[in-house]
PDB file of all heavy atoms in Angstrom:
ATOM      1  N   GLY A   1       2.729   5.015  11.013  1.00  0.00           N
ATOM      2  CA  GLY A   1       3.737   4.304  11.794  1.00  0.00           C
ATOM      3  C   GLY A   1       3.996   2.870  11.387  1.00  0.00           C
ATOM      4  O   GLY A   1       4.752   2.171  12.059  1.00  0.00           O
ATOM      5  N   TYR A   2       3.403   2.414  10.295  1.00  0.00           N
ATOM      6  CA  TYR A   2       3.612   1.023   9.884  1.00  0.00           C
ATOM      7  C   TYR A   2       5.035   0.775   9.381  1.00  0.00           C
ATOM      8  O   TYR A   2       5.463  -0.369   9.318  1.00  0.00           O
ATOM      9  CB  TYR A   2       2.597   0.621   8.804  1.00  0.00           C
ATOM     10  CG  TYR A   2       1.194   0.534   9.343  1.00  0.00           C
ATOM     11  CD1 TYR A   2       0.257   1.517   9.078  1.00  0.00           C
ATOM     12  CD2 TYR A   2       0.821  -0.525  10.149  1.00  0.00           C
ATOM     13  CE1 TYR A   2      -1.026   1.433   9.584  1.00  0.00           C
ATOM     14  CE2 TYR A   2      -0.465  -0.618  10.670  1.00  0.00           C
ATOM     15  CZ  TYR A   2      -1.382   0.375  10.382  1.00  0.00           C
ATOM     16  OH  TYR A   2      -2.654   0.288  10.894  1.00  0.00           O
ATOM     17  N   LEU A   3       5.753   1.821   9.066  1.00  0.00           N
ATOM     18  CA  LEU A   3       7.129   1.679   8.588  1.00  0.00           C
ATOM     19  C   LEU A   3       8.165   1.970   9.655  1.00  0.00           C
ATOM     20  O   LEU A   3       9.355   1.858   9.399  1.00  0.00           O
ATOM     21  CB  LEU A   3       7.366   2.620   7.398  1.00  0.00           C
ATOM     22  CG  LEU A   3       6.591   2.289   6.141  1.00  0.00           C
ATOM     23  CD1 LEU A   3       6.683   3.427   5.145  1.00  0.00           C
ATOM     24  CD2 LEU A   3       7.114   1.012   5.534  1.00  0.00           C
ATOM     25  N   ASP A   4       7.722   2.333  10.828  1.00  0.00           N
ATOM     26  CA  ASP A   4       8.664   2.741  11.884  1.00  0.00           C
ATOM     27  C   ASP A   4       9.688   1.672  12.223  1.00  0.00           C
ATOM     28  O   ASP A   4      10.821   1.983  12.580  1.00  0.00           O
ATOM     29  CB  ASP A   4       7.916   3.167  13.143  1.00  0.00           C
ATOM     30  CG  ASP A   4       7.207   4.509  12.979  1.00  0.00           C
ATOM     31  OD1 ASP A   4       7.393   5.163  11.924  1.00  0.00           O
ATOM     32  OD2 ASP A   4       6.453   4.886  13.895  1.00  0.00           O
ATOM     33  N   GLU A   5       9.323   0.423  12.128  1.00  0.00           N
ATOM     34  CA  GLU A   5      10.238  -0.666  12.460  1.00  0.00           C
ATOM     35  C   GLU A   5      10.939  -1.255  11.235  1.00  0.00           C
ATOM     36  O   GLU A   5      11.766  -2.160  11.368  1.00  0.00           O
ATOM     37  CB  GLU A   5       9.481  -1.780  13.204  1.00  0.00           C
ATOM     38  CG  GLU A   5       8.823  -1.310  14.494  1.00  0.00           C
ATOM     39  CD  GLU A   5       9.810  -0.742  15.505  1.00  0.00           C
ATOM     40  OE1 GLU A   5      10.897  -1.330  15.670  1.00  0.00           O
ATOM     41  OE2 GLU A   5       9.491   0.301  16.114  1.00  0.00           O
ATOM     42  N   VAL A   6      10.609  -0.748  10.050  1.00  0.00           N
ATOM     43  CA  VAL A   6      11.204  -1.254   8.806  1.00  0.00           C
ATOM     44  C   VAL A   6      12.497  -0.482   8.545  1.00  0.00           C
ATOM     45  O   VAL A   6      12.493   0.751   8.568  1.00  0.00           O
ATOM     46  CB  VAL A   6      10.228  -1.072   7.616  1.00  0.00           C
ATOM     47  CG1 VAL A   6      10.858  -1.498   6.311  1.00  0.00           C
ATOM     48  CG2 VAL A   6       8.933  -1.826   7.871  1.00  0.00           C
ATOM     49  N   PRO A   7      13.617  -1.175   8.289  1.00  0.00           N
ATOM     50  CA  PRO A   7      14.857  -0.466   7.957  1.00  0.00           C
ATOM     51  C   PRO A   7      14.664   0.399   6.699  1.00  0.00           C
ATOM     52  O   PRO A   7      13.925   0.003   5.790  1.00  0.00           O
ATOM     53  CB  PRO A   7      15.855  -1.589   7.687  1.00  0.00           C
ATOM     54  CG  PRO A   7      15.283  -2.803   8.351  1.00  0.00           C
ATOM     55  CD  PRO A   7      13.792  -2.626   8.313  1.00  0.00           C
ATOM     56  N   VAL A   8      15.301   1.547   6.674  1.00  0.00           N
ATOM     57  CA  VAL A   8      15.133   2.490   5.568  1.00  0.00           C
ATOM     58  C   VAL A   8      15.396   1.819   4.225  1.00  0.00           C
ATOM     59  O   VAL A   8      14.673   2.052   3.258  1.00  0.00           O
ATOM     60  CB  VAL A   8      16.045   3.728   5.752  1.00  0.00           C
ATOM     61  CG1 VAL A   8      15.994   4.651   4.552  1.00  0.00           C
ATOM     62  CG2 VAL A   8      15.656   4.487   7.007  1.00  0.00           C
ATOM     63  N   GLU A   9      16.409   0.953   4.168  1.00  0.00           N
ATOM     64  CA  GLU A   9      16.745   0.312   2.896  1.00  0.00           C
ATOM     65  C   GLU A   9      15.689  -0.693   2.434  1.00  0.00           C
ATOM     66  O   GLU A   9      15.707  -1.133   1.287  1.00  0.00           O
ATOM     67  CB  GLU A   9      18.135  -0.339   2.944  1.00  0.00           C
ATOM     68  CG  GLU A   9      18.274  -1.458   3.950  1.00  0.00           C
ATOM     69  CD  GLU A   9      18.646  -0.993   5.359  1.00  0.00           C
ATOM     70  OE1 GLU A   9      18.778   0.224   5.603  1.00  0.00           O
ATOM     71  OE2 GLU A   9      18.795  -1.875   6.216  1.00  0.00           O
ATOM     72  N   LYS A  10      14.736  -1.045   3.309  1.00  0.00           N
ATOM     73  CA  LYS A  10      13.684  -1.991   2.932  1.00  0.00           C
ATOM     74  C   LYS A  10      12.326  -1.325   2.732  1.00  0.00           C
ATOM     75  O   LYS A  10      11.332  -1.998   2.477  1.00  0.00           O
ATOM     76  CB  LYS A  10      13.571  -3.087   3.990  1.00  0.00           C
ATOM     77  CG  LYS A  10      14.784  -3.989   4.032  1.00  0.00           C
ATOM     78  CD  LYS A  10      14.561  -5.167   4.904  1.00  0.00           C
ATOM     79  CE  LYS A  10      15.802  -6.065   4.834  1.00  0.00           C
ATOM     80  NZ  LYS A  10      15.593  -7.299   5.581  1.00  0.00           N
ATOM     81  N   VAL A  11      12.291   0.004   2.813  1.00  0.00           N
ATOM     82  CA  VAL A  11      11.031   0.728   2.648  1.00  0.00           C
ATOM     83  C   VAL A  11      10.468   0.511   1.248  1.00  0.00           C
ATOM     84  O   VAL A  11       9.265   0.293   1.074  1.00  0.00           O
ATOM     85  CB  VAL A  11      11.209   2.234   2.946  1.00  0.00           C
ATOM     86  CG1 VAL A  11      10.010   3.044   2.503  1.00  0.00           C
ATOM     87  CG2 VAL A  11      11.465   2.435   4.431  1.00  0.00           C
ATOM     88  N   GLY A  12      11.306   0.538   0.236  1.00  0.00           N
ATOM     89  CA  GLY A  12      10.846   0.318  -1.141  1.00  0.00           C
ATOM     90  C   GLY A  12      10.239  -1.061  -1.320  1.00  0.00           C
ATOM     91  O   GLY A  12       9.207  -1.218  -1.977  1.00  0.00           O
ATOM     92  N   ALA A  13      10.854  -2.068  -0.718  1.00  0.00           N
ATOM     93  CA  ALA A  13      10.323  -3.432  -0.788  1.00  0.00           C
ATOM     94  C   ALA A  13       8.982  -3.518  -0.078  1.00  0.00           C
ATOM     95  O   ALA A  13       8.042  -4.145  -0.579  1.00  0.00           O
ATOM     96  CB  ALA A  13      11.312  -4.419  -0.187  1.00  0.00           C
ATOM     97  N   PHE A  14       8.876  -2.884   1.093  1.00  0.00           N
ATOM     98  CA  PHE A  14       7.613  -2.861   1.826  1.00  0.00           C
ATOM     99  C   PHE A  14       6.523  -2.248   0.963  1.00  0.00           C
ATOM    100  O   PHE A  14       5.432  -2.804   0.829  1.00  0.00           O
ATOM    101  CB  PHE A  14       7.779  -2.070   3.128  1.00  0.00           C
ATOM    102  CG  PHE A  14       6.539  -1.972   3.967  1.00  0.00           C
ATOM    103  CD1 PHE A  14       6.350  -2.849   5.026  1.00  0.00           C
ATOM    104  CD2 PHE A  14       5.571  -1.020   3.721  1.00  0.00           C
ATOM    105  CE1 PHE A  14       5.210  -2.772   5.827  1.00  0.00           C
ATOM    106  CE2 PHE A  14       4.426  -0.938   4.505  1.00  0.00           C
ATOM    107  CZ  PHE A  14       4.243  -1.812   5.565  1.00  0.00           C
ATOM    108  N   GLU A  15       6.827  -1.104   0.380  1.00  0.00           N
ATOM    109  CA  GLU A  15       5.850  -0.393  -0.437  1.00  0.00           C
ATOM    110  C   GLU A  15       5.409  -1.232  -1.632  1.00  0.00           C
ATOM    111  O   GLU A  15       4.222  -1.387  -1.892  1.00  0.00           O
ATOM    112  CB  GLU A  15       6.423   0.939  -0.911  1.00  0.00           C
ATOM    113  CG  GLU A  15       5.476   1.740  -1.785  1.00  0.00           C
ATOM    114  CD  GLU A  15       6.094   3.024  -2.295  1.00  0.00           C
ATOM    115  OE1 GLU A  15       7.316   3.205  -2.205  1.00  0.00           O
ATOM    116  OE2 GLU A  15       5.332   3.855  -2.817  1.00  0.00           O
ATOM    117  N   SER A  16       6.371  -1.794  -2.372  1.00  0.00           N
ATOM    118  CA  SER A  16       6.007  -2.547  -3.572  1.00  0.00           C
ATOM    119  C   SER A  16       5.235  -3.821  -3.227  1.00  0.00           C
ATOM    120  O   SER A  16       4.279  -4.172  -3.911  1.00  0.00           O
ATOM    121  CB  SER A  16       7.235  -2.849  -4.426  1.00  0.00           C
ATOM    122  OG  SER A  16       8.029  -3.838  -3.856  1.00  0.00           O
ATOM    123  N   GLN A  17       5.612  -4.497  -2.152  1.00  0.00           N
ATOM    124  CA  GLN A  17       4.881  -5.704  -1.747  1.00  0.00           C
ATOM    125  C   GLN A  17       3.482  -5.356  -1.262  1.00  0.00           C
ATOM    126  O   GLN A  17       2.517  -6.072  -1.564  1.00  0.00           O
ATOM    127  CB  GLN A  17       5.647  -6.461  -0.671  1.00  0.00           C
ATOM    128  CG  GLN A  17       6.868  -7.174  -1.205  1.00  0.00           C
ATOM    129  CD  GLN A  17       7.627  -7.902  -0.102  1.00  0.00           C
ATOM    130  OE1 GLN A  17       7.065  -8.212   0.948  1.00  0.00           O
ATOM    131  NE2 GLN A  17       8.884  -8.176  -0.337  1.00  0.00           N
ATOM    132  N   ALA A  18       3.349  -4.273  -0.519  1.00  0.00           N
ATOM    133  CA  ALA A  18       2.029  -3.856  -0.033  1.00  0.00           C
ATOM    134  C   ALA A  18       1.125  -3.511  -1.212  1.00  0.00           C
ATOM    135  O   ALA A  18      -0.041  -3.923  -1.255  1.00  0.00           O
ATOM    136  CB  ALA A  18       2.158  -2.672   0.916  1.00  0.00           C
ATOM    137  N   LEU A  19       1.654  -2.765  -2.176  1.00  0.00           N
ATOM    138  CA  LEU A  19       0.849  -2.390  -3.333  1.00  0.00           C
ATOM    139  C   LEU A  19       0.494  -3.608  -4.183  1.00  0.00           C
ATOM    140  O   LEU A  19      -0.631  -3.710  -4.684  1.00  0.00           O
ATOM    141  CB  LEU A  19       1.567  -1.330  -4.170  1.00  0.00           C
ATOM    142  CG  LEU A  19       1.667   0.047  -3.524  1.00  0.00           C
ATOM    143  CD1 LEU A  19       2.540   0.970  -4.340  1.00  0.00           C
ATOM    144  CD2 LEU A  19       0.287   0.648  -3.313  1.00  0.00           C
ATOM    145  N   SER A  20       1.412  -4.540  -4.319  1.00  0.00           N
ATOM    146  CA  SER A  20       1.122  -5.775  -5.066  1.00  0.00           C
ATOM    147  C   SER A  20       0.010  -6.557  -4.381  1.00  0.00           C
ATOM    148  O   SER A  20      -0.913  -7.058  -5.045  1.00  0.00           O
ATOM    149  CB  SER A  20       2.363  -6.648  -5.175  1.00  0.00           C
ATOM    150  OG  SER A  20       3.325  -6.047  -5.991  1.00  0.00           O
ATOM    151  N   ASP A  21       0.099  -6.662  -3.068  1.00  0.00           N
ATOM    152  CA  ASP A  21      -0.925  -7.376  -2.304  1.00  0.00           C
ATOM    153  C   ASP A  21      -2.281  -6.669  -2.422  1.00  0.00           C
ATOM    154  O   ASP A  21      -3.309  -7.305  -2.612  1.00  0.00           O
ATOM    155  CB  ASP A  21      -0.490  -7.485  -0.840  1.00  0.00           C
ATOM    156  CG  ASP A  21      -1.350  -8.434  -0.030  1.00  0.00           C
ATOM    157  OD1 ASP A  21      -2.309  -9.024  -0.573  1.00  0.00           O
ATOM    158  OD2 ASP A  21      -1.068  -8.594   1.177  1.00  0.00           O
ATOM    159  N   LEU A  22      -2.256  -5.349  -2.319  1.00  0.00           N
ATOM    160  CA  LEU A  22      -3.505  -4.591  -2.458  1.00  0.00           C
ATOM    161  C   LEU A  22      -4.118  -4.803  -3.837  1.00  0.00           C
ATOM    162  O   LEU A  22      -5.327  -5.013  -3.960  1.00  0.00           O
ATOM    163  CB  LEU A  22      -3.255  -3.106  -2.219  1.00  0.00           C
ATOM    164  CG  LEU A  22      -3.286  -2.641  -0.775  1.00  0.00           C
ATOM    165  CD1 LEU A  22      -2.776  -1.225  -0.660  1.00  0.00           C
ATOM    166  CD2 LEU A  22      -4.691  -2.740  -0.209  1.00  0.00           C
ATOM    167  N   LYS A  23      -3.304  -4.712  -4.874  1.00  0.00           N
ATOM    168  CA  LYS A  23      -3.821  -4.888  -6.238  1.00  0.00           C
ATOM    169  C   LYS A  23      -4.393  -6.283  -6.442  1.00  0.00           C
ATOM    170  O   LYS A  23      -5.429  -6.461  -7.074  1.00  0.00           O
ATOM    171  CB  LYS A  23      -2.714  -4.624  -7.257  1.00  0.00           C
ATOM    172  CG  LYS A  23      -2.307  -3.182  -7.366  1.00  0.00           C
ATOM    173  CD  LYS A  23      -1.126  -3.038  -8.315  1.00  0.00           C
ATOM    174  CE  LYS A  23      -0.564  -1.648  -8.297  1.00  0.00           C
ATOM    175  NZ  LYS A  23       0.663  -1.532  -9.113  1.00  0.00           N
ATOM    176  N   ALA A  24      -3.704  -7.283  -5.902  1.00  0.00           N
ATOM    177  CA  ALA A  24      -4.117  -8.673  -6.113  1.00  0.00           C
ATOM    178  C   ALA A  24      -5.332  -9.053  -5.266  1.00  0.00           C
ATOM    179  O   ALA A  24      -6.209  -9.770  -5.741  1.00  0.00           O
ATOM    180  CB  ALA A  24      -2.954  -9.607  -5.804  1.00  0.00           C
ATOM    181  N   ASN A  25      -5.369  -8.590  -4.031  1.00  0.00           N
ATOM    182  CA  ASN A  25      -6.398  -9.074  -3.101  1.00  0.00           C
ATOM    183  C   ASN A  25      -7.394  -8.029  -2.617  1.00  0.00           C
ATOM    184  O   ASN A  25      -8.423  -8.389  -2.055  1.00  0.00           O
ATOM    185  CB  ASN A  25      -5.715  -9.696  -1.870  1.00  0.00           C
ATOM    186  CG  ASN A  25      -4.787 -10.821  -2.259  1.00  0.00           C
ATOM    187  OD1 ASN A  25      -5.149 -11.686  -3.043  1.00  0.00           O
ATOM    188  ND2 ASN A  25      -3.577 -10.793  -1.736  1.00  0.00           N
ATOM    189  N   HIS A  26      -7.076  -6.758  -2.807  1.00  0.00           N
ATOM    190  CA  HIS A  26      -7.945  -5.695  -2.301  1.00  0.00           C
ATOM    191  C   HIS A  26      -8.076  -4.576  -3.328  1.00  0.00           C
ATOM    192  O   HIS A  26      -8.047  -3.393  -2.974  1.00  0.00           O
ATOM    193  CB  HIS A  26      -7.395  -5.126  -0.987  1.00  0.00           C
ATOM    194  CG  HIS A  26      -7.155  -6.155   0.055  1.00  0.00           C
ATOM    195  ND1 HIS A  26      -8.165  -6.689   0.813  1.00  0.00           N
ATOM    196  CD2 HIS A  26      -6.018  -6.781   0.460  1.00  0.00           C
ATOM    197  CE1 HIS A  26      -7.663  -7.585   1.655  1.00  0.00           C
ATOM    198  NE2 HIS A  26      -6.366  -7.654   1.448  1.00  0.00           N
ATOM    199  N   GLY A  27      -8.225  -4.943  -4.585  1.00  0.00           N
ATOM    200  CA  GLY A  27      -8.335  -3.944  -5.656  1.00  0.00           C
ATOM    201  C   GLY A  27      -9.499  -2.987  -5.449  1.00  0.00           C
ATOM    202  O   GLY A  27      -9.431  -1.827  -5.857  1.00  0.00           O
ATOM    203  N   ASP A  28     -10.548  -3.466  -4.799  1.00  0.00           N
ATOM    204  CA  ASP A  28     -11.694  -2.610  -4.527  1.00  0.00           C
ATOM    205  C   ASP A  28     -11.321  -1.431  -3.634  1.00  0.00           C
ATOM    206  O   ASP A  28     -11.872  -0.339  -3.769  1.00  0.00           O
ATOM    207  CB  ASP A  28     -12.817  -3.419  -3.907  1.00  0.00           C
ATOM    208  CG  ASP A  28     -12.408  -4.122  -2.619  1.00  0.00           C
ATOM    209  OD1 ASP A  28     -11.264  -4.628  -2.553  1.00  0.00           O
ATOM    210  OD2 ASP A  28     -13.225  -4.173  -1.682  1.00  0.00           O
ATOM    211  N   LEU A  29     -10.368  -1.631  -2.754  1.00  0.00           N
ATOM    212  CA  LEU A  29      -9.919  -0.561  -1.877  1.00  0.00           C
ATOM    213  C   LEU A  29      -9.237   0.551  -2.672  1.00  0.00           C
ATOM    214  O   LEU A  29      -9.499   1.732  -2.466  1.00  0.00           O
ATOM    215  CB  LEU A  29      -8.976  -1.130  -0.814  1.00  0.00           C
ATOM    216  CG  LEU A  29      -8.596  -0.257   0.359  1.00  0.00           C
ATOM    217  CD1 LEU A  29      -9.809   0.312   1.056  1.00  0.00           C
ATOM    218  CD2 LEU A  29      -7.773  -1.065   1.343  1.00  0.00           C
ATOM    219  N   LEU A  30      -8.386   0.162  -3.611  1.00  0.00           N
ATOM    220  CA  LEU A  30      -7.742   1.153  -4.478  1.00  0.00           C
ATOM    221  C   LEU A  30      -8.770   1.853  -5.357  1.00  0.00           C
ATOM    222  O   LEU A  30      -8.702   3.070  -5.575  1.00  0.00           O
ATOM    223  CB  LEU A  30      -6.658   0.498  -5.336  1.00  0.00           C
ATOM    224  CG  LEU A  30      -5.418   0.010  -4.581  1.00  0.00           C
ATOM    225  CD1 LEU A  30      -4.508  -0.785  -5.518  1.00  0.00           C
ATOM    226  CD2 LEU A  30      -4.671   1.157  -3.963  1.00  0.00           C
ATOM    227  N   ASP A  31      -9.746   1.090  -5.869  1.00  0.00           N
ATOM    228  CA  ASP A  31     -10.812   1.688  -6.684  1.00  0.00           C
ATOM    229  C   ASP A  31     -11.603   2.712  -5.889  1.00  0.00           C
ATOM    230  O   ASP A  31     -11.949   3.779  -6.399  1.00  0.00           O
ATOM    231  CB  ASP A  31     -11.756   0.606  -7.211  1.00  0.00           C
ATOM    232  CG  ASP A  31     -11.098  -0.317  -8.222  1.00  0.00           C
ATOM    233  OD1 ASP A  31     -10.081   0.082  -8.832  1.00  0.00           O
ATOM    234  OD2 ASP A  31     -11.600  -1.438  -8.409  1.00  0.00           O
ATOM    235  N   THR A  32     -11.884   2.393  -4.633  1.00  0.00           N
ATOM    236  CA  THR A  32     -12.627   3.304  -3.768  1.00  0.00           C
ATOM    237  C   THR A  32     -11.851   4.604  -3.559  1.00  0.00           C
ATOM    238  O   THR A  32     -12.406   5.698  -3.647  1.00  0.00           O
ATOM    239  CB  THR A  32     -12.931   2.642  -2.401  1.00  0.00           C
ATOM    240  OG1 THR A  32     -13.713   1.475  -2.636  1.00  0.00           O
ATOM    241  CG2 THR A  32     -13.669   3.579  -1.475  1.00  0.00           C
ATOM    242  N   LEU A  33     -10.545   4.494  -3.306  1.00  0.00           N
ATOM    243  CA  LEU A  33      -9.710   5.691  -3.130  1.00  0.00           C
ATOM    244  C   LEU A  33      -9.682   6.525  -4.411  1.00  0.00           C
ATOM    245  O   LEU A  33      -9.758   7.753  -4.353  1.00  0.00           O
ATOM    246  CB  LEU A  33      -8.303   5.303  -2.720  1.00  0.00           C
ATOM    247  CG  LEU A  33      -8.137   4.820  -1.285  1.00  0.00           C
ATOM    248  CD1 LEU A  33      -6.761   4.206  -1.088  1.00  0.00           C
ATOM    249  CD2 LEU A  33      -8.358   5.966  -0.323  1.00  0.00           C
ATOM    250  N   ARG A  34      -9.579   5.860  -5.549  1.00  0.00           N
ATOM    251  CA  ARG A  34      -9.547   6.567  -6.833  1.00  0.00           C
ATOM    252  C   ARG A  34     -10.875   7.288  -7.068  1.00  0.00           C
ATOM    253  O   ARG A  34     -10.896   8.437  -7.498  1.00  0.00           O
ATOM    254  CB  ARG A  34      -9.274   5.578  -7.960  1.00  0.00           C
ATOM    255  CG  ARG A  34      -9.085   6.208  -9.321  1.00  0.00           C
ATOM    256  CD  ARG A  34      -8.813   5.197 -10.442  1.00  0.00           C
ATOM    257  NE  ARG A  34      -7.852   4.185 -10.096  1.00  0.00           N
ATOM    258  CZ  ARG A  34      -8.129   2.893  -9.900  1.00  0.00           C
ATOM    259  NH1 ARG A  34      -9.359   2.446 -10.029  1.00  0.00           N
ATOM    260  NH2 ARG A  34      -7.190   2.033  -9.584  1.00  0.00           N
ATOM    261  N   ARG A  35     -11.972   6.625  -6.777  1.00  0.00           N
ATOM    262  CA  ARG A  35     -13.292   7.182  -7.026  1.00  0.00           C
ATOM    263  C   ARG A  35     -13.641   8.291  -6.032  1.00  0.00           C
ATOM    264  O   ARG A  35     -14.108   9.356  -6.409  1.00  0.00           O
ATOM    265  CB  ARG A  35     -14.338   6.064  -6.956  1.00  0.00           C
ATOM    266  CG  ARG A  35     -15.741   6.497  -7.277  1.00  0.00           C
ATOM    267  CD  ARG A  35     -16.760   5.376  -7.146  1.00  0.00           C
ATOM    268  NE  ARG A  35     -16.808   4.872  -5.773  1.00  0.00           N
ATOM    269  CZ  ARG A  35     -16.413   3.641  -5.414  1.00  0.00           C
ATOM    270  NH1 ARG A  35     -15.968   2.795  -6.307  1.00  0.00           N
ATOM    271  NH2 ARG A  35     -16.473   3.259  -4.150  1.00  0.00           N
ATOM    272  N   ASP A  36     -13.422   8.053  -4.738  1.00  0.00           N
ATOM    273  CA  ASP A  36     -13.841   8.994  -3.699  1.00  0.00           C
ATOM    274  C   ASP A  36     -12.914  10.201  -3.568  1.00  0.00           C
ATOM    275  O   ASP A  36     -13.333  11.253  -3.099  1.00  0.00           O
ATOM    276  CB  ASP A  36     -13.938   8.304  -2.346  1.00  0.00           C
ATOM    277  CG  ASP A  36     -15.056   7.284  -2.296  1.00  0.00           C
ATOM    278  OD1 ASP A  36     -15.907   7.264  -3.219  1.00  0.00           O
ATOM    279  OD2 ASP A  36     -15.083   6.489  -1.334  1.00  0.00           O
ATOM    280  N   ARG A  37     -11.647  10.002  -3.905  1.00  0.00           N
ATOM    281  CA  ARG A  37     -10.634  11.068  -3.791  1.00  0.00           C
ATOM    282  C   ARG A  37     -10.464  11.565  -2.355  1.00  0.00           C
ATOM    283  O   ARG A  37     -10.105  12.713  -2.111  1.00  0.00           O
ATOM    284  CB  ARG A  37     -10.950  12.234  -4.716  1.00  0.00           C
ATOM    285  CG  ARG A  37     -10.895  11.852  -6.158  1.00  0.00           C
ATOM    286  CD  ARG A  37     -11.235  13.013  -7.041  1.00  0.00           C
ATOM    287  NE  ARG A  37     -11.072  12.629  -8.408  1.00  0.00           N
ATOM    288  CZ  ARG A  37     -10.194  13.177  -9.233  1.00  0.00           C
ATOM    289  NH1 ARG A  37      -9.408  14.136  -8.810  1.00  0.00           N
ATOM    290  NH2 ARG A  37     -10.103  12.766 -10.464  1.00  0.00           N
ATOM    291  N   GLU A  38     -10.773  10.691  -1.405  1.00  0.00           N
ATOM    292  CA  GLU A  38     -10.553  10.981   0.010  1.00  0.00           C
ATOM    293  C   GLU A  38     -10.597   9.665   0.779  1.00  0.00           C
ATOM    294  O   GLU A  38     -11.073   8.659   0.276  1.00  0.00           O
ATOM    295  CB  GLU A  38     -11.613  11.933   0.558  1.00  0.00           C
ATOM    296  CG  GLU A  38     -13.007  11.348   0.595  1.00  0.00           C
ATOM    297  CD  GLU A  38     -14.032  12.299   1.200  1.00  0.00           C
ATOM    298  OE1 GLU A  38     -13.792  12.793   2.318  1.00  0.00           O
ATOM    299  OE2 GLU A  38     -15.046  12.549   0.551  1.00  0.00           O
ATOM    300  N   ILE A  39     -10.097   9.706   1.992  1.00  0.00           N
ATOM    301  CA  ILE A  39     -10.137   8.525   2.849  1.00  0.00           C
ATOM    302  C   ILE A  39     -11.322   8.695   3.792  1.00  0.00           C
ATOM    303  O   ILE A  39     -11.249   9.427   4.770  1.00  0.00           O
ATOM    304  CB  ILE A  39      -8.828   8.343   3.640  1.00  0.00           C
ATOM    305  CG1 ILE A  39      -7.648   8.174   2.695  1.00  0.00           C
ATOM    306  CG2 ILE A  39      -8.930   7.134   4.566  1.00  0.00           C
ATOM    307  CD1 ILE A  39      -6.307   8.068   3.389  1.00  0.00           C
TER     308      ILE A  39
END
């Protein structure tokens, strides 16, 4: 539901900014998902 209030035309921007932020500041979280293959 994090996108429920985001206009459809801004979903791509939300996604790319979130992924950029994750890569820059929370890369360990992405590494954990890649390694564990589950949440």
